[in-house]
Amino acid sequence: MSLSRQLVLLVVALVLLLFSGTFLISAYSTRDYLEDQLASHAQDAATSLGLSATTHVAKGDEAMFTSMANAMIHRGDYLKIRIEDLQGKPLIERESRQPLDVPDWFTRLFPLHPPEGVATMMAGWRQVGVVRVISHPGLAYRQLWKSTVDTLSWFVVGAGLVLLVGLMLLRWMLRPLQRVEWQAEAICNREFPVVEDKPFTYEFRRVVEAMNRLSSKVRQMLDNAERMASQLREQANTDALTGLANRRHFMSLLQARLEDADSAGGVLLVRVEHLADYNRSHGYQEGDQLLRAVADLLREESAGLAGITLAHLSGGFRAVVRRCLACPTG
């Protein structure tokens, strides 16, 4: 999996985690607030109904306090209204059947438990009954549902914009890695480019700078290796005393030409007579000087000729190869 995809998945996971936590905290906080409002609403209704219906309950005017309870329950703001005597026997009890107008799964996910409001009915110093009121949670559920939907909608829109901007920024931030990949492939092809455009991100800038140093270092190492290889090849094929081709190089060239049926040419052997006597009488340094002088003379004589190879075989022997044949000269 690519780095960009991993980062996108990480960002999405973090956004979802953050939203889930924020959403749940907000939803449960709103639910607790609405339950407190339902409790206050029920208590106010119980107190108001208790004050209004006390005289009728004390007189036993059932029709009057029943009509008052019916009027309240028909408004739809209350789930249950109950007026009972001091022994707990209900004088009247009404319940609302209005639907909640929200999905069932939502009520199971965020259940509301409306508290009961209780008020004692007093006729002077005498208690005549108790009023119990439970507010209907329908309005609270609708408010909670609307708040949840609005929060979710804003999150979807905001998350979409954040992801879009994040993807654009991510592509811009990861562009240096593409240049580093191109640079690495170029190094494999024995090309050594240097990325001049440094990225803004500190870590990526360090990577680009390291790759630039690596490119320069590899170029330097390969150049040194090629120079050393060239020197070694020259040393392996050149006689150190005269600067001519050595015996091994001469034999390999001669063998290659002899195996080539289309090759034609000639070999000339040159020998310095009595070289050993000259070394004993004049010294080896003078003898070496003589060999170098002979090599220089052969170079001068063959300077205008094409296809000439000069070689030092051993001692006073030289070879001259003509026309593409490797010939020992000396």
C-alpha atoms as a PDB file:
ATOM      1  CA  MET A   1       0.000   0.000   0.000  1.00  0.00           C
ATOM      2  CA  SER A   2       1.336   3.410  -0.962  1.00  0.00           C
ATOM      3  CA  LEU A   3       2.310   6.007   1.629  1.00  0.00           C
ATOM      4  CA  SER A   4      -0.314   8.457   0.367  1.00  0.00           C
ATOM      5  CA  ARG A   5      -3.087   5.878   0.766  1.00  0.00           C
ATOM      6  CA  GLN A   6      -1.908   5.004   4.260  1.00  0.00           C
ATOM      7  CA  LEU A   7      -1.903   8.673   5.235  1.00  0.00           C
ATOM      8  CA  VAL A   8      -5.390   9.167   3.765  1.00  0.00           C
ATOM      9  CA  LEU A   9      -6.719   6.175   5.704  1.00  0.00           C
ATOM     10  CA  LEU A  10      -5.068   7.467   8.861  1.00  0.00           C
ATOM     11  CA  VAL A  11      -6.600  10.923   8.401  1.00  0.00           C
ATOM     12  CA  VAL A  12     -10.038   9.432   7.710  1.00  0.00           C
ATOM     13  CA  ALA A  13      -9.777   7.216  10.788  1.00  0.00           C
ATOM     14  CA  LEU A  14      -8.742  10.161  12.972  1.00  0.00           C
ATOM     15  CA  VAL A  15     -11.536  12.357  11.592  1.00  0.00           C
ATOM     16  CA  LEU A  16     -14.123   9.616  12.172  1.00  0.00           C
ATOM     17  CA  LEU A  17     -12.818   9.003  15.678  1.00  0.00           C
ATOM     18  CA  LEU A  18     -12.861  12.707  16.480  1.00  0.00           C
ATOM     19  CA  PHE A  19     -16.344  13.169  15.046  1.00  0.00           C
ATOM     20  CA  SER A  20     -17.714  10.093  16.799  1.00  0.00           C
ATOM     21  CA  GLY A  21     -16.439  11.291  20.156  1.00  0.00           C
ATOM     22  CA  THR A  22     -17.637  14.856  19.589  1.00  0.00           C
ATOM     23  CA  PHE A  23     -20.994  13.680  18.237  1.00  0.00           C
ATOM     24  CA  LEU A  24     -21.685  11.331  21.134  1.00  0.00           C
ATOM     25  CA  ILE A  25     -20.665  13.901  23.732  1.00  0.00           C
ATOM     26  CA  SER A  26     -22.857  16.531  22.086  1.00  0.00           C
ATOM     27  CA  ALA A  27     -25.824  14.170  21.694  1.00  0.00           C
ATOM     28  CA  TYR A  28     -25.742  12.909  25.272  1.00  0.00           C
ATOM     29  CA  SER A  29     -25.197  16.411  26.637  1.00  0.00           C
ATOM     30  CA  THR A  30     -28.213  17.623  24.653  1.00  0.00           C
ATOM     31  CA  ARG A  31     -30.254  14.668  25.889  1.00  0.00           C
ATOM     32  CA  ASP A  32     -29.383  15.422  29.524  1.00  0.00           C
ATOM     33  CA  TYR A  33     -30.288  19.070  28.983  1.00  0.00           C
ATOM     34  CA  LEU A  34     -33.645  18.121  27.442  1.00  0.00           C
ATOM     35  CA  GLU A  35     -34.404  15.749  30.319  1.00  0.00           C
ATOM     36  CA  ASP A  36     -33.785  18.614  32.738  1.00  0.00           C
ATOM     37  CA  GLN A  37     -36.131  20.787  30.680  1.00  0.00           C
ATOM     38  CA  LEU A  38     -38.763  18.046  30.704  1.00  0.00           C
ATOM     39  CA  ALA A  39     -38.437  17.760  34.494  1.00  0.00           C
ATOM     40  CA  SER A  40     -38.826  21.512  34.939  1.00  0.00           C
ATOM     41  CA  HIS A  41     -41.751  21.586  32.510  1.00  0.00           C
ATOM     42  CA  ALA A  42     -43.508  18.725  34.326  1.00  0.00           C
ATOM     43  CA  GLN A  43     -42.944  20.269  37.742  1.00  0.00           C
ATOM     44  CA  ASP A  44     -44.317  23.629  36.606  1.00  0.00           C
ATOM     45  CA  ALA A  45     -47.366  21.939  35.086  1.00  0.00           C
ATOM     46  CA  ALA A  46     -47.990  19.878  38.240  1.00  0.00           C
ATOM     47  CA  THR A  47     -47.718  22.953  40.449  1.00  0.00           C
ATOM     48  CA  SER A  48     -50.007  25.000  38.183  1.00  0.00           C
ATOM     49  CA  LEU A  49     -52.631  22.241  37.903  1.00  0.00           C
ATOM     50  CA  GLY A  50     -52.470  21.596  41.647  1.00  0.00           C
ATOM     51  CA  LEU A  51     -53.185  25.236  42.415  1.00  0.00           C
ATOM     52  CA  SER A  52     -55.991  25.441  39.852  1.00  0.00           C
ATOM     53  CA  ALA A  53     -57.724  22.181  40.725  1.00  0.00           C
ATOM     54  CA  THR A  54     -57.354  22.191  44.539  1.00  0.00           C
ATOM     55  CA  THR A  55     -60.727  23.888  45.180  1.00  0.00           C
ATOM     56  CA  HIS A  56     -62.565  21.537  42.806  1.00  0.00           C
ATOM     57  CA  VAL A  57     -60.909  18.451  44.283  1.00  0.00           C
ATOM     58  CA  ALA A  58     -61.755  19.622  47.800  1.00  0.00           C
ATOM     59  CA  LYS A  59     -65.411  20.139  46.762  1.00  0.00           C
ATOM     60  CA  GLY A  60     -65.487  16.835  44.902  1.00  0.00           C
ATOM     61  CA  ASP A  61     -66.266  18.587  41.596  1.00  0.00           C
ATOM     62  CA  GLU A  62     -64.912  15.789  39.424  1.00  0.00           C
ATOM     63  CA  ALA A  63     -66.196  17.229  36.184  1.00  0.00           C
ATOM     64  CA  MET A  64     -64.261  20.428  36.651  1.00  0.00           C
ATOM     65  CA  PHE A  65     -60.842  19.040  37.488  1.00  0.00           C
ATOM     66  CA  THR A  66     -61.339  16.316  34.853  1.00  0.00           C
ATOM     67  CA  SER A  67     -61.949  18.929  32.176  1.00  0.00           C
ATOM     68  CA  MET A  68     -58.867  20.801  33.319  1.00  0.00           C
ATOM     69  CA  ALA A  69     -56.743  17.636  33.016  1.00  0.00           C
ATOM     70  CA  ASN A  70     -58.260  16.805  29.617  1.00  0.00           C
ATOM     71  CA  ALA A  71     -57.475  20.272  28.323  1.00  0.00           C
ATOM     72  CA  MET A  72     -53.852  19.893  29.329  1.00  0.00           C
ATOM     73  CA  ILE A  73     -53.405  16.384  27.923  1.00  0.00           C
ATOM     74  CA  HIS A  74     -54.994  17.340  24.602  1.00  0.00           C
ATOM     75  CA  ARG A  75     -52.334  19.977  23.994  1.00  0.00           C
ATOM     76  CA  GLY A  76     -49.846  17.156  23.425  1.00  0.00           C
ATOM     77  CA  ASP A  77     -47.202  18.551  25.776  1.00  0.00           C
ATOM     78  CA  TYR A  78     -47.778  15.926  28.475  1.00  0.00           C
ATOM     79  CA  LEU A  79     -47.403  12.165  28.416  1.00  0.00           C
ATOM     80  CA  LYS A  80     -49.361  11.463  31.607  1.00  0.00           C
ATOM     81  CA  ILE A  81     -51.472  13.428  34.121  1.00  0.00           C
ATOM     82  CA  ARG A  82     -52.694  11.830  37.310  1.00  0.00           C
ATOM     83  CA  ILE A  83     -54.644  13.278  40.229  1.00  0.00           C
ATOM     84  CA  GLU A  84     -54.893  11.000  43.257  1.00  0.00           C
ATOM     85  CA  ASP A  85     -56.165  11.215  46.818  1.00  0.00           C
ATOM     86  CA  LEU A  86     -54.048  10.976  49.929  1.00  0.00           C
ATOM     87  CA  GLN A  87     -54.212   7.170  49.875  1.00  0.00           C
ATOM     88  CA  GLY A  88     -52.793   7.053  46.340  1.00  0.00           C
ATOM     89  CA  LYS A  89     -56.103   6.150  44.703  1.00  0.00           C
ATOM     90  CA  PRO A  90     -56.418   7.861  41.284  1.00  0.00           C
ATOM     91  CA  LEU A  91     -59.199  10.389  40.994  1.00  0.00           C
ATOM     92  CA  ILE A  92     -58.390  10.889  37.314  1.00  0.00           C
ATOM     93  CA  GLU A  93     -55.616   9.620  35.033  1.00  0.00           C
ATOM     94  CA  ARG A  94     -54.972  10.620  31.432  1.00  0.00           C
ATOM     95  CA  GLU A  95     -52.265   9.479  29.016  1.00  0.00           C
ATOM     96  CA  SER A  96     -51.268  10.824  25.604  1.00  0.00           C
ATOM     97  CA  ARG A  97     -50.995   8.518  22.578  1.00  0.00           C
ATOM     98  CA  GLN A  98     -49.249  10.924  20.253  1.00  0.00           C
ATOM     99  CA  PRO A  99     -46.329   9.394  18.252  1.00  0.00           C
ATOM    100  CA  LEU A 100     -42.766  10.559  18.752  1.00  0.00           C
ATOM    101  CA  ASP A 101     -42.173  11.396  15.031  1.00  0.00           C
ATOM    102  CA  VAL A 102     -38.564  10.118  15.140  1.00  0.00           C
ATOM    103  CA  PRO A 103     -37.120   6.749  14.049  1.00  0.00           C
ATOM    104  CA  ASP A 104     -37.416   3.921  16.563  1.00  0.00           C
ATOM    105  CA  TRP A 105     -33.683   3.162  16.373  1.00  0.00           C
ATOM    106  CA  PHE A 106     -32.975   6.757  17.393  1.00  0.00           C
ATOM    107  CA  THR A 107     -35.131   6.462  20.519  1.00  0.00           C
ATOM    108  CA  ARG A 108     -33.340   3.221  21.403  1.00  0.00           C
ATOM    109  CA  LEU A 109     -29.940   4.823  20.830  1.00  0.00           C
ATOM    110  CA  PHE A 110     -30.755   7.986  22.815  1.00  0.00           C
ATOM    111  CA  PRO A 111     -33.547   7.094  25.247  1.00  0.00           C
ATOM    112  CA  LEU A 112     -35.234   9.927  27.123  1.00  0.00           C
ATOM    113  CA  HIS A 113     -36.658   9.282  30.577  1.00  0.00           C
ATOM    114  CA  PRO A 114     -38.887  12.240  31.421  1.00  0.00           C
ATOM    115  CA  PRO A 115     -38.937  12.806  35.192  1.00  0.00           C
ATOM    116  CA  GLU A 116     -42.217  13.065  36.987  1.00  0.00           C
ATOM    117  CA  GLY A 117     -43.391  16.365  38.429  1.00  0.00           C
ATOM    118  CA  VAL A 118     -45.242  16.065  41.757  1.00  0.00           C
ATOM    119  CA  ALA A 119     -47.294  18.738  43.557  1.00  0.00           C
ATOM    120  CA  THR A 120     -49.362  18.452  46.733  1.00  0.00           C
ATOM    121  CA  MET A 121     -52.844  19.997  46.662  1.00  0.00           C
ATOM    122  CA  MET A 122     -53.498  22.054  49.811  1.00  0.00           C
ATOM    123  CA  ALA A 123     -56.870  23.453  50.860  1.00  0.00           C
ATOM    124  CA  GLY A 124     -55.750  25.801  53.615  1.00  0.00           C
ATOM    125  CA  TRP A 125     -53.804  23.596  56.005  1.00  0.00           C
ATOM    126  CA  ARG A 126     -55.399  20.424  54.737  1.00  0.00           C
ATOM    127  CA  GLN A 127     -54.016  18.154  52.029  1.00  0.00           C
ATOM    128  CA  VAL A 128     -56.671  17.058  49.578  1.00  0.00           C
ATOM    129  CA  GLY A 129     -54.624  15.218  46.922  1.00  0.00           C
ATOM    130  CA  VAL A 130     -51.495  14.900  44.819  1.00  0.00           C
ATOM    131  CA  VAL A 131     -50.908  15.865  41.185  1.00  0.00           C
ATOM    132  CA  ARG A 132     -48.426  13.853  39.101  1.00  0.00           C
ATOM    133  CA  VAL A 133     -47.379  15.066  35.643  1.00  0.00           C
ATOM    134  CA  ILE A 134     -44.943  13.584  33.107  1.00  0.00           C
ATOM    135  CA  SER A 135     -44.026  15.751  30.116  1.00  0.00           C
ATOM    136  CA  HIS A 136     -44.303  14.249  26.656  1.00  0.00           C
ATOM    137  CA  PRO A 137     -40.789  13.587  25.191  1.00  0.00           C
ATOM    138  CA  GLY A 138     -41.925  14.096  21.591  1.00  0.00           C
ATOM    139  CA  LEU A 139     -40.799  17.706  21.338  1.00  0.00           C
ATOM    140  CA  ALA A 140     -37.504  16.888  23.047  1.00  0.00           C
ATOM    141  CA  TYR A 141     -36.942  13.975  20.669  1.00  0.00           C
ATOM    142  CA  ARG A 142     -37.622  16.212  17.677  1.00  0.00           C
ATOM    143  CA  GLN A 143     -35.157  18.783  18.911  1.00  0.00           C
ATOM    144  CA  LEU A 144     -32.561  16.084  19.597  1.00  0.00           C
ATOM    145  CA  TRP A 145     -33.164  14.527  16.161  1.00  0.00           C
ATOM    146  CA  LYS A 146     -32.843  17.889  14.407  1.00  0.00           C
ATOM    147  CA  SER A 147     -29.645  18.677  16.290  1.00  0.00           C
ATOM    148  CA  THR A 148     -28.204  15.277  15.395  1.00  0.00           C
ATOM    149  CA  VAL A 149     -29.094  15.557  11.698  1.00  0.00           C
ATOM    150  CA  ASP A 150     -27.679  19.097  11.475  1.00  0.00           C
ATOM    151  CA  THR A 151     -24.462  18.013  13.192  1.00  0.00           C
ATOM    152  CA  LEU A 152     -24.102  15.011  10.905  1.00  0.00           C
ATOM    153  CA  SER A 153     -24.782  17.100   7.783  1.00  0.00           C
ATOM    154  CA  TRP A 154     -22.212  19.689   8.750  1.00  0.00           C
ATOM    155  CA  PHE A 155     -19.732  16.929   9.491  1.00  0.00           C
ATOM    156  CA  VAL A 156     -20.229  15.253   6.100  1.00  0.00           C
ATOM    157  CA  VAL A 157     -19.782  18.556   4.268  1.00  0.00           C
ATOM    158  CA  GLY A 158     -16.842  19.619   6.417  1.00  0.00           C
ATOM    159  CA  ALA A 159     -15.171  16.205   6.246  1.00  0.00           C
ATOM    160  CA  GLY A 160     -15.549  16.179   2.452  1.00  0.00           C
ATOM    161  CA  LEU A 161     -13.914  19.587   2.148  1.00  0.00           C
ATOM    162  CA  VAL A 162     -11.172  18.644   4.602  1.00  0.00           C
ATOM    163  CA  LEU A 163     -10.413  15.420   2.749  1.00  0.00           C
ATOM    164  CA  LEU A 164     -10.377  17.196  -0.616  1.00  0.00           C
ATOM    165  CA  VAL A 165      -8.019  19.890   0.622  1.00  0.00           C
ATOM    166  CA  GLY A 166      -6.011  17.268   2.503  1.00  0.00           C
ATOM    167  CA  LEU A 167      -5.558  15.145  -0.613  1.00  0.00           C
ATOM    168  CA  MET A 168      -4.370  18.163  -2.599  1.00  0.00           C
ATOM    169  CA  LEU A 169      -1.925  19.136   0.148  1.00  0.00           C
ATOM    170  CA  LEU A 170      -0.797  15.521   0.491  1.00  0.00           C
ATOM    171  CA  ARG A 171      -0.024  15.240  -3.212  1.00  0.00           C
ATOM    172  CA  TRP A 172       1.889  18.507  -3.043  1.00  0.00           C
ATOM    173  CA  MET A 173       3.807  17.379   0.036  1.00  0.00           C
ATOM    174  CA  LEU A 174       4.662  13.960  -1.433  1.00  0.00           C
ATOM    175  CA  ARG A 175       5.853  15.374  -4.750  1.00  0.00           C
ATOM    176  CA  PRO A 176       9.496  15.448  -3.501  1.00  0.00           C
ATOM    177  CA  LEU A 177       9.319  11.669  -3.062  1.00  0.00           C
ATOM    178  CA  GLN A 178       8.484  11.314  -6.756  1.00  0.00           C
ATOM    179  CA  ARG A 179      11.545  13.392  -7.631  1.00  0.00           C
ATOM    180  CA  VAL A 180      13.644  11.251  -5.273  1.00  0.00           C
ATOM    181  CA  GLU A 181      12.344   8.112  -7.015  1.00  0.00           C
ATOM    182  CA  TRP A 182      13.253   9.608 -10.404  1.00  0.00           C
ATOM    183  CA  GLN A 183      16.686  10.505  -9.070  1.00  0.00           C
ATOM    184  CA  ALA A 184      17.259   6.958  -7.762  1.00  0.00           C
ATOM    185  CA  GLU A 185      16.294   5.442 -11.133  1.00  0.00           C
ATOM    186  CA  ALA A 186      18.626   7.888 -12.887  1.00  0.00           C
ATOM    187  CA  ILE A 187      21.500   6.811 -10.613  1.00  0.00           C
ATOM    188  CA  CYS A 188      20.795   3.179 -11.561  1.00  0.00           C
ATOM    189  CA  ASN A 189      21.188   4.258 -15.213  1.00  0.00           C
ATOM    190  CA  ARG A 190      24.551   5.888 -14.415  1.00  0.00           C
ATOM    191  CA  GLU A 191      23.079   9.356 -14.511  1.00  0.00           C
ATOM    192  CA  PHE A 192      23.598  11.630 -11.553  1.00  0.00           C
ATOM    193  CA  PRO A 193      21.059  14.469 -11.462  1.00  0.00           C
ATOM    194  CA  VAL A 194      20.709  16.868  -8.542  1.00  0.00           C
ATOM    195  CA  VAL A 195      17.276  18.054  -7.392  1.00  0.00           C
ATOM    196  CA  GLU A 196      17.498  21.818  -7.064  1.00  0.00           C
ATOM    197  CA  ASP A 197      13.921  22.456  -5.875  1.00  0.00           C
ATOM    198  CA  LYS A 198      14.008  21.765  -2.127  1.00  0.00           C
ATOM    199  CA  PRO A 199      10.671  20.809  -0.507  1.00  0.00           C
ATOM    200  CA  PHE A 200       9.131  22.912   2.263  1.00  0.00           C
ATOM    201  CA  THR A 201       8.711  19.996   4.674  1.00  0.00           C
ATOM    202  CA  TYR A 202      11.803  19.629   6.836  1.00  0.00           C
ATOM    203  CA  GLU A 203      11.915  15.791   6.762  1.00  0.00           C
ATOM    204  CA  PHE A 204      11.458  15.635   2.980  1.00  0.00           C
ATOM    205  CA  ARG A 205      14.063  18.363   2.516  1.00  0.00           C
ATOM    206  CA  ARG A 206      16.531  16.254   4.497  1.00  0.00           C
ATOM    207  CA  VAL A 207      15.757  13.248   2.262  1.00  0.00           C
ATOM    208  CA  VAL A 208      16.275  15.300  -0.926  1.00  0.00           C
ATOM    209  CA  GLU A 209      19.542  16.737   0.386  1.00  0.00           C
ATOM    210  CA  ALA A 210      20.735  13.249   1.339  1.00  0.00           C
ATOM    211  CA  MET A 211      19.881  11.945  -2.148  1.00  0.00           C
ATOM    212  CA  ASN A 212      21.750  14.863  -3.731  1.00  0.00           C
ATOM    213  CA  ARG A 213      24.808  14.036  -1.638  1.00  0.00           C
ATOM    214  CA  LEU A 214      24.450  10.375  -2.549  1.00  0.00           C
ATOM    215  CA  SER A 215      24.232  11.214  -6.270  1.00  0.00           C
ATOM    216  CA  SER A 216      27.380  13.344  -6.116  1.00  0.00           C
ATOM    217  CA  LYS A 217      29.221  10.763  -4.039  1.00  0.00           C
ATOM    218  CA  VAL A 218      28.308   7.876  -6.364  1.00  0.00           C
ATOM    219  CA  ARG A 219      29.399   9.917  -9.377  1.00  0.00           C
ATOM    220  CA  GLN A 220      32.715  10.656  -7.692  1.00  0.00           C
ATOM    221  CA  MET A 221      33.180   7.009  -6.704  1.00  0.00           C
ATOM    222  CA  LEU A 222      32.439   5.744 -10.216  1.00  0.00           C
ATOM    223  CA  ASP A 223      34.753   8.339 -11.775  1.00  0.00           C
ATOM    224  CA  ASN A 224      37.534   7.304  -9.416  1.00  0.00           C
ATOM    225  CA  ALA A 225      36.840   3.625 -10.126  1.00  0.00           C
ATOM    226  CA  GLU A 226      36.949   4.202 -13.881  1.00  0.00           C
ATOM    227  CA  ARG A 227      40.203   6.150 -13.623  1.00  0.00           C
ATOM    228  CA  MET A 228      41.704   3.461 -11.447  1.00  0.00           C
ATOM    229  CA  ALA A 229      40.510   0.733 -13.824  1.00  0.00           C
ATOM    230  CA  SER A 230      42.006   2.635 -16.740  1.00  0.00           C
ATOM    231  CA  GLN A 231      45.290   2.988 -14.912  1.00  0.00           C
ATOM    232  CA  LEU A 232      45.302  -0.687 -14.000  1.00  0.00           C
ATOM    233  CA  ARG A 233      44.558  -1.674 -17.587  1.00  0.00           C
ATOM    234  CA  GLU A 234      47.366   0.572 -18.777  1.00  0.00           C
ATOM    235  CA  GLN A 235      49.734  -0.829 -16.188  1.00  0.00           C
ATOM    236  CA  ALA A 236      48.754  -4.399 -17.064  1.00  0.00           C
ATOM    237  CA  ASN A 237      49.317  -3.848 -20.797  1.00  0.00           C
ATOM    238  CA  THR A 238      52.286  -1.425 -20.774  1.00  0.00           C
ATOM    239  CA  ASP A 239      55.965  -2.011 -20.155  1.00  0.00           C
ATOM    240  CA  ALA A 240      56.998   0.188 -17.251  1.00  0.00           C
ATOM    241  CA  LEU A 241      60.513   0.856 -18.596  1.00  0.00           C
ATOM    242  CA  THR A 242      59.827   1.860 -22.189  1.00  0.00           C
ATOM    243  CA  GLY A 243      56.146   2.744 -22.195  1.00  0.00           C
ATOM    244  CA  LEU A 244      55.548   0.234 -25.029  1.00  0.00           C
ATOM    245  CA  ALA A 245      53.084  -2.641 -24.943  1.00  0.00           C
ATOM    246  CA  ASN A 246      54.322  -5.515 -22.747  1.00  0.00           C
ATOM    247  CA  ARG A 247      54.775  -9.132 -23.721  1.00  0.00           C
ATOM    248  CA  ARG A 248      51.373 -10.304 -22.429  1.00  0.00           C
ATOM    249  CA  HIS A 249      49.491  -7.611 -24.299  1.00  0.00           C
ATOM    250  CA  PHE A 250      51.485  -8.378 -27.449  1.00  0.00           C
ATOM    251  CA  MET A 251      50.746 -12.102 -27.256  1.00  0.00           C
ATOM    252  CA  SER A 252      47.021 -11.544 -26.742  1.00  0.00           C
ATOM    253  CA  LEU A 253      46.853  -9.168 -29.714  1.00  0.00           C
ATOM    254  CA  LEU A 254      48.871 -11.535 -31.888  1.00  0.00           C
ATOM    255  CA  GLN A 255      46.666 -14.496 -30.934  1.00  0.00           C
ATOM    256  CA  ALA A 256      43.504 -12.537 -31.744  1.00  0.00           C
ATOM    257  CA  ARG A 257      44.857 -11.518 -35.168  1.00  0.00           C
ATOM    258  CA  LEU A 258      46.006 -15.017 -35.985  1.00  0.00           C
ATOM    259  CA  GLU A 259      42.511 -16.349 -35.259  1.00  0.00           C
ATOM    260  CA  ASP A 260      41.006 -13.739 -37.573  1.00  0.00           C
ATOM    261  CA  ALA A 261      41.140 -15.176 -41.135  1.00  0.00           C
ATOM    262  CA  ASP A 262      40.634 -11.741 -42.683  1.00  0.00           C
ATOM    263  CA  SER A 263      43.607 -10.151 -40.928  1.00  0.00           C
ATOM    264  CA  ALA A 264      46.778  -9.410 -42.866  1.00  0.00           C
ATOM    265  CA  GLY A 265      50.013  -7.778 -41.804  1.00  0.00           C
ATOM    266  CA  GLY A 266      53.478  -8.473 -40.599  1.00  0.00           C
ATOM    267  CA  VAL A 267      55.700  -8.745 -37.546  1.00  0.00           C
ATOM    268  CA  LEU A 268      59.148  -7.163 -37.251  1.00  0.00           C
ATOM    269  CA  LEU A 269      61.482  -8.198 -34.433  1.00  0.00           C
ATOM    270  CA  VAL A 270      64.207  -5.802 -33.357  1.00  0.00           C
ATOM    271  CA  ARG A 271      67.017  -6.878 -31.034  1.00  0.00           C
ATOM    272  CA  VAL A 272      69.631  -4.845 -29.241  1.00  0.00           C
ATOM    273  CA  GLU A 273      72.784  -6.960 -29.502  1.00  0.00           C
ATOM    274  CA  HIS A 274      75.162  -7.508 -26.585  1.00  0.00           C
ATOM    275  CA  LEU A 275      72.796  -5.768 -24.136  1.00  0.00           C
ATOM    276  CA  ALA A 276      74.079  -7.895 -21.242  1.00  0.00           C
ATOM    277  CA  ASP A 277      77.701  -6.863 -21.967  1.00  0.00           C
ATOM    278  CA  TYR A 278      76.611  -3.222 -22.193  1.00  0.00           C
ATOM    279  CA  ASN A 279      74.888  -3.457 -18.798  1.00  0.00           C
ATOM    280  CA  ARG A 280      77.984  -4.973 -17.175  1.00  0.00           C
ATOM    281  CA  SER A 281      80.344  -2.347 -18.628  1.00  0.00           C
ATOM    282  CA  HIS A 282      78.138   0.738 -18.297  1.00  0.00           C
ATOM    283  CA  GLY A 283      75.698  -0.221 -15.568  1.00  0.00           C
ATOM    284  CA  TYR A 284      72.060  -1.134 -15.624  1.00  0.00           C
ATOM    285  CA  GLN A 285      70.863   2.463 -15.528  1.00  0.00           C
ATOM    286  CA  GLU A 286      72.700   3.181 -18.773  1.00  0.00           C
ATOM    287  CA  GLY A 287      71.266  -0.037 -20.199  1.00  0.00           C
ATOM    288  CA  ASP A 288      67.742   1.076 -19.308  1.00  0.00           C
ATOM    289  CA  GLN A 289      68.438   4.457 -20.875  1.00  0.00           C
ATOM    290  CA  LEU A 290      69.539   2.695 -24.063  1.00  0.00           C
ATOM    291  CA  LEU A 291      66.305   0.688 -24.180  1.00  0.00           C
ATOM    292  CA  ARG A 292      64.248   3.842 -23.756  1.00  0.00           C
ATOM    293  CA  ALA A 293      66.197   5.530 -26.538  1.00  0.00           C
ATOM    294  CA  VAL A 294      65.523   2.594 -28.864  1.00  0.00           C
ATOM    295  CA  ALA A 295      61.785   2.756 -27.973  1.00  0.00           C
ATOM    296  CA  ASP A 296      61.698   6.483 -28.741  1.00  0.00           C
ATOM    297  CA  LEU A 297      63.473   5.874 -32.057  1.00  0.00           C
ATOM    298  CA  LEU A 298      60.891   3.246 -33.053  1.00  0.00           C
ATOM    299  CA  ARG A 299      58.076   5.623 -32.150  1.00  0.00           C
ATOM    300  CA  GLU A 300      59.582   8.349 -34.338  1.00  0.00           C
ATOM    301  CA  GLU A 301      60.087   6.002 -37.296  1.00  0.00           C
ATOM    302  CA  SER A 302      56.550   4.606 -37.098  1.00  0.00           C
ATOM    303  CA  ALA A 303      54.779   7.882 -36.307  1.00  0.00           C
ATOM    304  CA  GLY A 304      53.411   8.325 -39.820  1.00  0.00           C
ATOM    305  CA  LEU A 305      52.309   4.717 -40.294  1.00  0.00           C
ATOM    306  CA  ALA A 306      48.778   3.456 -39.541  1.00  0.00           C
ATOM    307  CA  GLY A 307      48.035   0.160 -37.786  1.00  0.00           C
ATOM    308  CA  ILE A 308      51.385   0.005 -35.941  1.00  0.00           C
ATOM    309  CA  THR A 309      51.733  -1.499 -32.472  1.00  0.00           C
ATOM    310  CA  LEU A 310      55.064  -1.387 -30.636  1.00  0.00           C
ATOM    311  CA  ALA A 311      55.883  -3.809 -27.847  1.00  0.00           C
ATOM    312  CA  HIS A 312      58.801  -4.686 -25.558  1.00  0.00           C
ATOM    313  CA  LEU A 313      59.085  -8.468 -25.315  1.00  0.00           C
ATOM    314  CA  SER A 314      62.023  -8.993 -22.962  1.00  0.00           C
ATOM    315  CA  GLY A 315      65.547  -7.778 -22.589  1.00  0.00           C
ATOM    316  CA  GLY A 316      66.743  -6.325 -25.878  1.00  0.00           C
ATOM    317  CA  PHE A 317      63.898  -7.673 -28.023  1.00  0.00           C
ATOM    318  CA  ARG A 318      61.326  -5.352 -29.603  1.00  0.00           C
ATOM    319  CA  ALA A 319      58.446  -6.154 -31.954  1.00  0.00           C
ATOM    320  CA  VAL A 320      56.597  -4.097 -34.547  1.00  0.00           C
ATOM    321  CA  VAL A 321      53.155  -5.246 -35.704  1.00  0.00           C
ATOM    322  CA  ARG A 322      51.793  -3.824 -38.947  1.00  0.00           C
ATOM    323  CA  ARG A 323      48.183  -3.629 -40.228  1.00  0.00           C
ATOM    324  CA  CYS A 324      45.993  -4.476 -37.269  1.00  0.00           C
ATOM    325  CA  LEU A 325      48.231  -7.248 -36.044  1.00  0.00           C
ATOM    326  CA  ALA A 326      49.549  -6.975 -32.497  1.00  0.00           C
ATOM    327  CA  CYS A 327      53.265  -6.964 -33.103  1.00  0.00           C
ATOM    328  CA  PRO A 328      56.014  -6.865 -30.448  1.00  0.00           C
ATOM    329  CA  THR A 329      58.372  -4.014 -31.045  1.00  0.00           C
ATOM    330  CA  GLY A 330      61.588  -3.139 -29.375  1.00  0.00           C
END
